[in-house]
Amino acid sequence: MNPQARAIIRWVPASRGGRKAPPPDATGFTTPVRFESDAVASRGWWSLRIIDARQLLGPEVLDARVAFVMPEAPHDLLKEGERFELLEGPRVVAKAVVLPTAIEPPDRISEFELALLG
């Protein structure tokens, strides 16, 4: 199994160009990913899968475990503090940040904290 990371994922609303609605169950959702530190995809394009997820602020915000689909993917990109976007075609449908392993996310998250995701 590929290495996993924990991330906070926020679905981009349709009003900002995202999905009409978050997936009803994000577990197993797989899509291309773009990392802030590799925005031009110099290391290639890779797909990321949501292994499991729990809602933090309704279905729009998730505490999730994620992993690359392919074993040869650049797993070092899933490092603490790394920001990434989930894509559907050219559209950004979610923004996320990799959590430090020692941090337990709260049961709820404030609008201010959400704004930090973008």
N, C-alpha and C. Protein backbone atom coordinates (compact mmCIF):
# COMPACT_ATOMS: atom_id res chain seq x y z
N MET A 1 0.84 -1.18 0.00
CA MET A 1 0.00 0.00 0.00
C MET A 1 0.88 1.25 0.00
N ASN A 2 0.44 2.27 -0.70
CA ASN A 2 1.20 3.51 -0.79
C ASN A 2 1.14 4.29 0.52
N PRO A 3 2.18 5.08 0.81
CA PRO A 3 2.16 5.91 2.02
C PRO A 3 0.95 6.84 2.01
N GLN A 4 0.42 7.09 3.19
CA GLN A 4 -0.75 7.95 3.31
C GLN A 4 -0.40 9.19 4.10
N ALA A 5 -1.23 10.23 3.92
CA ALA A 5 -1.10 11.46 4.69
C ALA A 5 -2.50 11.87 5.15
N ARG A 6 -2.52 12.70 6.16
CA ARG A 6 -3.79 13.22 6.65
C ARG A 6 -3.92 14.65 6.17
N ALA A 7 -5.10 15.02 5.68
CA ALA A 7 -5.30 16.36 5.13
C ALA A 7 -6.68 16.90 5.49
N ILE A 8 -6.75 18.21 5.53
CA ILE A 8 -8.04 18.90 5.60
C ILE A 8 -8.37 19.28 4.16
N ILE A 9 -9.55 18.87 3.69
CA ILE A 9 -9.97 19.13 2.32
C ILE A 9 -11.22 20.00 2.36
N ARG A 10 -11.21 21.06 1.54
CA ARG A 10 -12.38 21.93 1.42
C ARG A 10 -12.82 21.94 -0.04
N TRP A 11 -14.05 21.51 -0.28
CA TRP A 11 -14.60 21.52 -1.63
C TRP A 11 -14.88 22.96 -2.05
N VAL A 12 -14.51 23.30 -3.26
CA VAL A 12 -14.75 24.63 -3.81
C VAL A 12 -16.21 24.69 -4.27
N PRO A 13 -16.97 25.71 -3.84
CA PRO A 13 -18.37 25.79 -4.26
C PRO A 13 -18.50 26.12 -5.75
N ALA A 14 -19.64 25.77 -6.30
CA ALA A 14 -19.91 26.03 -7.73
C ALA A 14 -19.80 27.52 -8.04
N SER A 15 -20.16 28.37 -7.11
CA SER A 15 -20.09 29.82 -7.33
C SER A 15 -18.66 30.30 -7.55
N ARG A 16 -17.68 29.49 -7.14
CA ARG A 16 -16.26 29.83 -7.35
C ARG A 16 -15.61 28.88 -8.36
N GLY A 17 -16.44 28.21 -9.17
CA GLY A 17 -15.92 27.36 -10.23
C GLY A 17 -15.73 25.90 -9.88
N GLY A 18 -16.13 25.50 -8.68
CA GLY A 18 -15.96 24.12 -8.25
C GLY A 18 -17.14 23.24 -8.64
N ARG A 19 -17.34 22.20 -7.87
CA ARG A 19 -18.42 21.24 -8.11
C ARG A 19 -19.77 21.83 -7.70
N LYS A 20 -20.84 21.30 -8.31
CA LYS A 20 -22.19 21.70 -7.89
C LYS A 20 -22.44 21.27 -6.45
N ALA A 21 -21.89 20.13 -6.07
CA ALA A 21 -22.02 19.63 -4.70
C ALA A 21 -20.85 18.69 -4.42
N PRO A 22 -20.42 18.61 -3.16
CA PRO A 22 -19.37 17.64 -2.82
C PRO A 22 -19.87 16.23 -3.10
N PRO A 23 -18.97 15.28 -3.32
CA PRO A 23 -19.43 13.90 -3.47
C PRO A 23 -20.18 13.46 -2.22
N PRO A 24 -21.26 12.70 -2.36
CA PRO A 24 -22.01 12.27 -1.18
C PRO A 24 -21.17 11.46 -0.21
N ASP A 25 -20.25 10.68 -0.73
CA ASP A 25 -19.30 9.93 0.10
C ASP A 25 -17.95 10.06 -0.59
N ALA A 26 -17.05 10.84 -0.01
CA ALA A 26 -15.76 11.11 -0.65
C ALA A 26 -14.80 9.93 -0.57
N THR A 27 -15.08 8.94 0.27
CA THR A 27 -14.19 7.79 0.37
C THR A 27 -14.07 7.11 -0.99
N GLY A 28 -12.85 6.94 -1.44
CA GLY A 28 -12.60 6.34 -2.74
C GLY A 28 -12.53 7.34 -3.87
N PHE A 29 -12.86 8.62 -3.62
CA PHE A 29 -12.80 9.65 -4.65
C PHE A 29 -11.36 9.76 -5.13
N THR A 30 -11.15 9.66 -6.42
CA THR A 30 -9.82 9.70 -7.02
C THR A 30 -9.81 10.74 -8.13
N THR A 31 -8.79 11.59 -8.14
CA THR A 31 -8.73 12.66 -9.12
C THR A 31 -7.29 13.16 -9.26
N PRO A 32 -6.97 13.84 -10.37
CA PRO A 32 -5.64 14.45 -10.48
C PRO A 32 -5.43 15.50 -9.39
N VAL A 33 -4.17 15.69 -9.04
CA VAL A 33 -3.82 16.61 -7.96
C VAL A 33 -2.70 17.53 -8.44
N ARG A 34 -2.72 18.77 -7.95
CA ARG A 34 -1.66 19.74 -8.23
C ARG A 34 -1.17 20.28 -6.90
N PHE A 35 0.15 20.20 -6.67
CA PHE A 35 0.75 20.64 -5.42
C PHE A 35 1.30 22.04 -5.56
N GLU A 36 1.13 22.85 -4.52
CA GLU A 36 1.63 24.22 -4.52
C GLU A 36 3.13 24.27 -4.80
N SER A 37 3.88 23.36 -4.22
CA SER A 37 5.34 23.37 -4.40
C SER A 37 5.77 22.81 -5.76
N ASP A 38 4.82 22.27 -6.52
CA ASP A 38 5.12 21.70 -7.85
C ASP A 38 4.00 22.12 -8.81
N ALA A 39 3.66 23.41 -8.79
CA ALA A 39 2.49 23.92 -9.52
C ALA A 39 2.58 23.70 -11.03
N VAL A 40 3.78 23.61 -11.57
CA VAL A 40 3.91 23.38 -13.02
C VAL A 40 4.01 21.90 -13.34
N ALA A 41 3.80 21.06 -12.33
CA ALA A 41 3.84 19.59 -12.50
C ALA A 41 5.16 19.14 -13.11
N SER A 42 6.25 19.72 -12.63
CA SER A 42 7.57 19.35 -13.15
C SER A 42 7.88 17.88 -12.91
N ARG A 43 7.20 17.28 -11.95
CA ARG A 43 7.43 15.87 -11.63
C ARG A 43 6.32 14.99 -12.22
N GLY A 44 5.51 15.56 -13.10
CA GLY A 44 4.45 14.81 -13.75
C GLY A 44 3.12 15.00 -13.06
N TRP A 45 2.07 14.50 -13.70
CA TRP A 45 0.72 14.57 -13.14
C TRP A 45 0.41 13.25 -12.46
N TRP A 46 -0.20 13.33 -11.28
CA TRP A 46 -0.51 12.14 -10.50
C TRP A 46 -1.93 12.21 -9.99
N SER A 47 -2.50 11.06 -9.70
CA SER A 47 -3.84 11.00 -9.13
C SER A 47 -3.74 10.67 -7.65
N LEU A 48 -4.62 11.29 -6.90
CA LEU A 48 -4.68 11.11 -5.45
C LEU A 48 -6.04 10.52 -5.11
N ARG A 49 -6.07 9.63 -4.13
CA ARG A 49 -7.32 9.00 -3.69
C ARG A 49 -7.60 9.37 -2.24
N ILE A 50 -8.86 9.67 -1.96
CA ILE A 50 -9.29 9.86 -0.58
C ILE A 50 -9.57 8.48 -0.02
N ILE A 51 -8.77 8.05 0.93
CA ILE A 51 -8.88 6.71 1.52
C ILE A 51 -10.08 6.63 2.45
N ASP A 52 -10.19 7.59 3.33
CA ASP A 52 -11.37 7.71 4.18
C ASP A 52 -11.49 9.16 4.61
N ALA A 53 -12.68 9.54 5.07
CA ALA A 53 -12.91 10.94 5.41
C ALA A 53 -14.04 11.06 6.42
N ARG A 54 -13.95 12.12 7.22
CA ARG A 54 -15.05 12.48 8.11
C ARG A 54 -15.31 13.97 7.95
N GLN A 55 -16.56 14.35 8.07
CA GLN A 55 -16.95 15.74 7.90
C GLN A 55 -16.56 16.56 9.12
N LEU A 56 -16.04 17.78 8.84
CA LEU A 56 -15.72 18.71 9.92
C LEU A 56 -16.72 19.86 9.99
N LEU A 57 -17.24 20.26 8.86
CA LEU A 57 -18.18 21.38 8.80
C LEU A 57 -19.14 21.08 7.66
N GLY A 58 -20.00 20.10 7.88
CA GLY A 58 -20.87 19.64 6.80
C GLY A 58 -20.05 18.91 5.76
N PRO A 59 -20.64 18.58 4.63
CA PRO A 59 -19.93 17.81 3.60
C PRO A 59 -18.88 18.61 2.84
N GLU A 60 -18.81 19.93 3.08
CA GLU A 60 -17.86 20.77 2.34
C GLU A 60 -16.44 20.71 2.87
N VAL A 61 -16.26 20.27 4.11
CA VAL A 61 -14.93 20.24 4.72
C VAL A 61 -14.69 18.87 5.35
N LEU A 62 -13.56 18.26 4.97
CA LEU A 62 -13.27 16.90 5.42
C LEU A 62 -11.93 16.81 6.13
N ASP A 63 -11.87 15.94 7.10
CA ASP A 63 -10.62 15.44 7.67
C ASP A 63 -10.42 14.10 6.97
N ALA A 64 -9.37 13.98 6.17
CA ALA A 64 -9.26 12.80 5.31
C ALA A 64 -7.85 12.20 5.33
N ARG A 65 -7.80 10.91 5.06
CA ARG A 65 -6.53 10.26 4.76
C ARG A 65 -6.47 10.14 3.25
N VAL A 66 -5.32 10.53 2.68
CA VAL A 66 -5.15 10.51 1.23
C VAL A 66 -3.87 9.77 0.87
N ALA A 67 -3.83 9.27 -0.37
CA ALA A 67 -2.63 8.58 -0.86
C ALA A 67 -2.62 8.66 -2.38
N PHE A 68 -1.43 8.64 -2.93
CA PHE A 68 -1.30 8.54 -4.38
C PHE A 68 -1.79 7.17 -4.83
N VAL A 69 -2.28 7.11 -6.05
CA VAL A 69 -2.76 5.85 -6.60
C VAL A 69 -1.58 4.97 -7.02
N MET A 70 -0.58 5.56 -7.62
CA MET A 70 0.56 4.80 -8.17
C MET A 70 1.72 4.73 -7.19
N PRO A 71 2.36 3.56 -7.08
CA PRO A 71 3.48 3.43 -6.13
C PRO A 71 4.69 4.30 -6.49
N GLU A 72 4.87 4.63 -7.77
CA GLU A 72 6.04 5.43 -8.17
C GLU A 72 5.80 6.94 -8.08
N ALA A 73 4.67 7.35 -7.54
CA ALA A 73 4.35 8.78 -7.39
C ALA A 73 5.34 9.46 -6.44
N PRO A 74 5.45 10.78 -6.52
CA PRO A 74 6.37 11.52 -5.64
C PRO A 74 5.78 11.69 -4.23
N HIS A 75 5.87 10.63 -3.44
CA HIS A 75 5.25 10.61 -2.11
C HIS A 75 5.79 11.69 -1.18
N ASP A 76 6.98 12.19 -1.46
CA ASP A 76 7.55 13.24 -0.62
C ASP A 76 6.73 14.54 -0.70
N LEU A 77 5.86 14.68 -1.70
CA LEU A 77 5.00 15.86 -1.79
C LEU A 77 3.92 15.86 -0.70
N LEU A 78 3.64 14.71 -0.14
CA LEU A 78 2.62 14.62 0.92
C LEU A 78 3.23 14.93 2.28
N LYS A 79 3.97 16.03 2.35
CA LYS A 79 4.64 16.40 3.60
C LYS A 79 3.81 17.44 4.35
N GLU A 80 4.05 17.51 5.63
CA GLU A 80 3.39 18.42 6.54
C GLU A 80 3.36 19.85 6.00
N GLY A 81 2.18 20.44 5.97
CA GLY A 81 2.02 21.82 5.54
C GLY A 81 1.87 22.02 4.04
N GLU A 82 2.08 20.97 3.26
CA GLU A 82 1.96 21.09 1.80
C GLU A 82 0.52 21.36 1.42
N ARG A 83 0.33 22.32 0.54
CA ARG A 83 -1.01 22.64 0.03
C ARG A 83 -1.17 22.02 -1.35
N PHE A 84 -2.40 21.55 -1.61
CA PHE A 84 -2.66 20.97 -2.92
C PHE A 84 -4.10 21.21 -3.34
N GLU A 85 -4.35 21.02 -4.63
CA GLU A 85 -5.67 21.19 -5.20
C GLU A 85 -6.08 19.90 -5.90
N LEU A 86 -7.35 19.53 -5.77
CA LEU A 86 -7.91 18.40 -6.50
C LEU A 86 -8.58 18.96 -7.75
N LEU A 87 -8.38 18.29 -8.86
CA LEU A 87 -8.84 18.80 -10.15
C LEU A 87 -9.84 17.85 -10.80
N GLU A 88 -10.74 18.42 -11.56
CA GLU A 88 -11.59 17.67 -12.49
C GLU A 88 -11.41 18.40 -13.82
N GLY A 89 -10.63 17.81 -14.71
CA GLY A 89 -10.24 18.52 -15.92
C GLY A 89 -9.43 19.73 -15.49
N PRO A 90 -9.68 20.91 -16.08
CA PRO A 90 -8.93 22.11 -15.70
C PRO A 90 -9.49 22.79 -14.44
N ARG A 91 -10.61 22.29 -13.93
CA ARG A 91 -11.30 22.91 -12.80
C ARG A 91 -10.75 22.48 -11.46
N VAL A 92 -10.49 23.44 -10.58
CA VAL A 92 -10.11 23.13 -9.19
C VAL A 92 -11.40 22.87 -8.43
N VAL A 93 -11.57 21.65 -7.91
CA VAL A 93 -12.80 21.30 -7.20
C VAL A 93 -12.62 21.24 -5.69
N ALA A 94 -11.37 21.21 -5.22
CA ALA A 94 -11.12 21.21 -3.77
C ALA A 94 -9.72 21.73 -3.51
N LYS A 95 -9.55 22.33 -2.34
CA LYS A 95 -8.24 22.78 -1.87
C LYS A 95 -7.97 22.08 -0.56
N ALA A 96 -6.69 21.80 -0.30
CA ALA A 96 -6.36 21.01 0.88
C ALA A 96 -4.98 21.36 1.42
N VAL A 97 -4.74 20.92 2.63
CA VAL A 97 -3.42 21.06 3.25
C VAL A 97 -3.14 19.78 4.04
N VAL A 98 -1.88 19.32 3.95
CA VAL A 98 -1.46 18.12 4.68
C VAL A 98 -1.20 18.52 6.13
N LEU A 99 -1.80 17.76 7.04
CA LEU A 99 -1.66 18.02 8.48
C LEU A 99 -0.40 17.37 9.04
N PRO A 100 0.19 17.98 10.07
CA PRO A 100 1.26 17.30 10.80
C PRO A 100 0.68 16.04 11.45
N THR A 101 1.49 15.00 11.54
CA THR A 101 1.00 13.74 12.11
C THR A 101 0.63 13.88 13.58
N ALA A 102 1.26 14.79 14.29
CA ALA A 102 1.01 14.94 15.72
C ALA A 102 -0.23 15.79 16.03
N ILE A 103 -0.85 16.36 15.01
CA ILE A 103 -2.01 17.23 15.21
C ILE A 103 -3.30 16.44 15.03
N GLU A 104 -4.19 16.56 15.98
CA GLU A 104 -5.52 15.97 15.86
C GLU A 104 -6.46 17.11 15.51
N PRO A 105 -7.09 17.07 14.32
CA PRO A 105 -7.99 18.18 13.96
C PRO A 105 -9.19 18.24 14.90
N PRO A 106 -9.74 19.43 15.07
CA PRO A 106 -10.90 19.56 15.95
C PRO A 106 -12.13 18.89 15.34
N ASP A 107 -13.13 18.67 16.16
CA ASP A 107 -14.38 18.10 15.66
C ASP A 107 -15.10 19.08 14.74
N ARG A 108 -14.87 20.37 14.95
CA ARG A 108 -15.46 21.42 14.12
C ARG A 108 -14.35 22.38 13.73
N ILE A 109 -14.58 23.13 12.68
CA ILE A 109 -13.60 24.10 12.21
C ILE A 109 -14.33 25.41 11.92
N SER A 110 -13.70 26.53 12.26
CA SER A 110 -14.36 27.82 12.10
C SER A 110 -14.23 28.33 10.67
N GLU A 111 -15.05 29.31 10.34
CA GLU A 111 -14.98 29.94 9.01
C GLU A 111 -13.61 30.58 8.81
N PHE A 112 -13.05 31.18 9.87
CA PHE A 112 -11.72 31.80 9.77
C PHE A 112 -10.68 30.73 9.41
N GLU A 113 -10.71 29.62 10.11
CA GLU A 113 -9.76 28.55 9.84
C GLU A 113 -9.93 28.03 8.42
N LEU A 114 -11.17 27.98 7.94
CA LEU A 114 -11.43 27.55 6.57
C LEU A 114 -10.83 28.52 5.56
N ALA A 115 -10.88 29.79 5.87
CA ALA A 115 -10.34 30.81 4.97
C ALA A 115 -8.85 30.61 4.75
N LEU A 116 -8.17 30.02 5.71
CA LEU A 116 -6.74 29.76 5.56
C LEU A 116 -6.46 28.73 4.46
N LEU A 117 -7.44 27.87 4.15
CA LEU A 117 -7.28 26.89 3.07
C LEU A 117 -7.38 27.56 1.71
N GLY A 118 -8.06 28.64 1.61
CA GLY A 118 -8.22 29.33 0.32
C GLY A 118 -9.59 29.20 -0.24
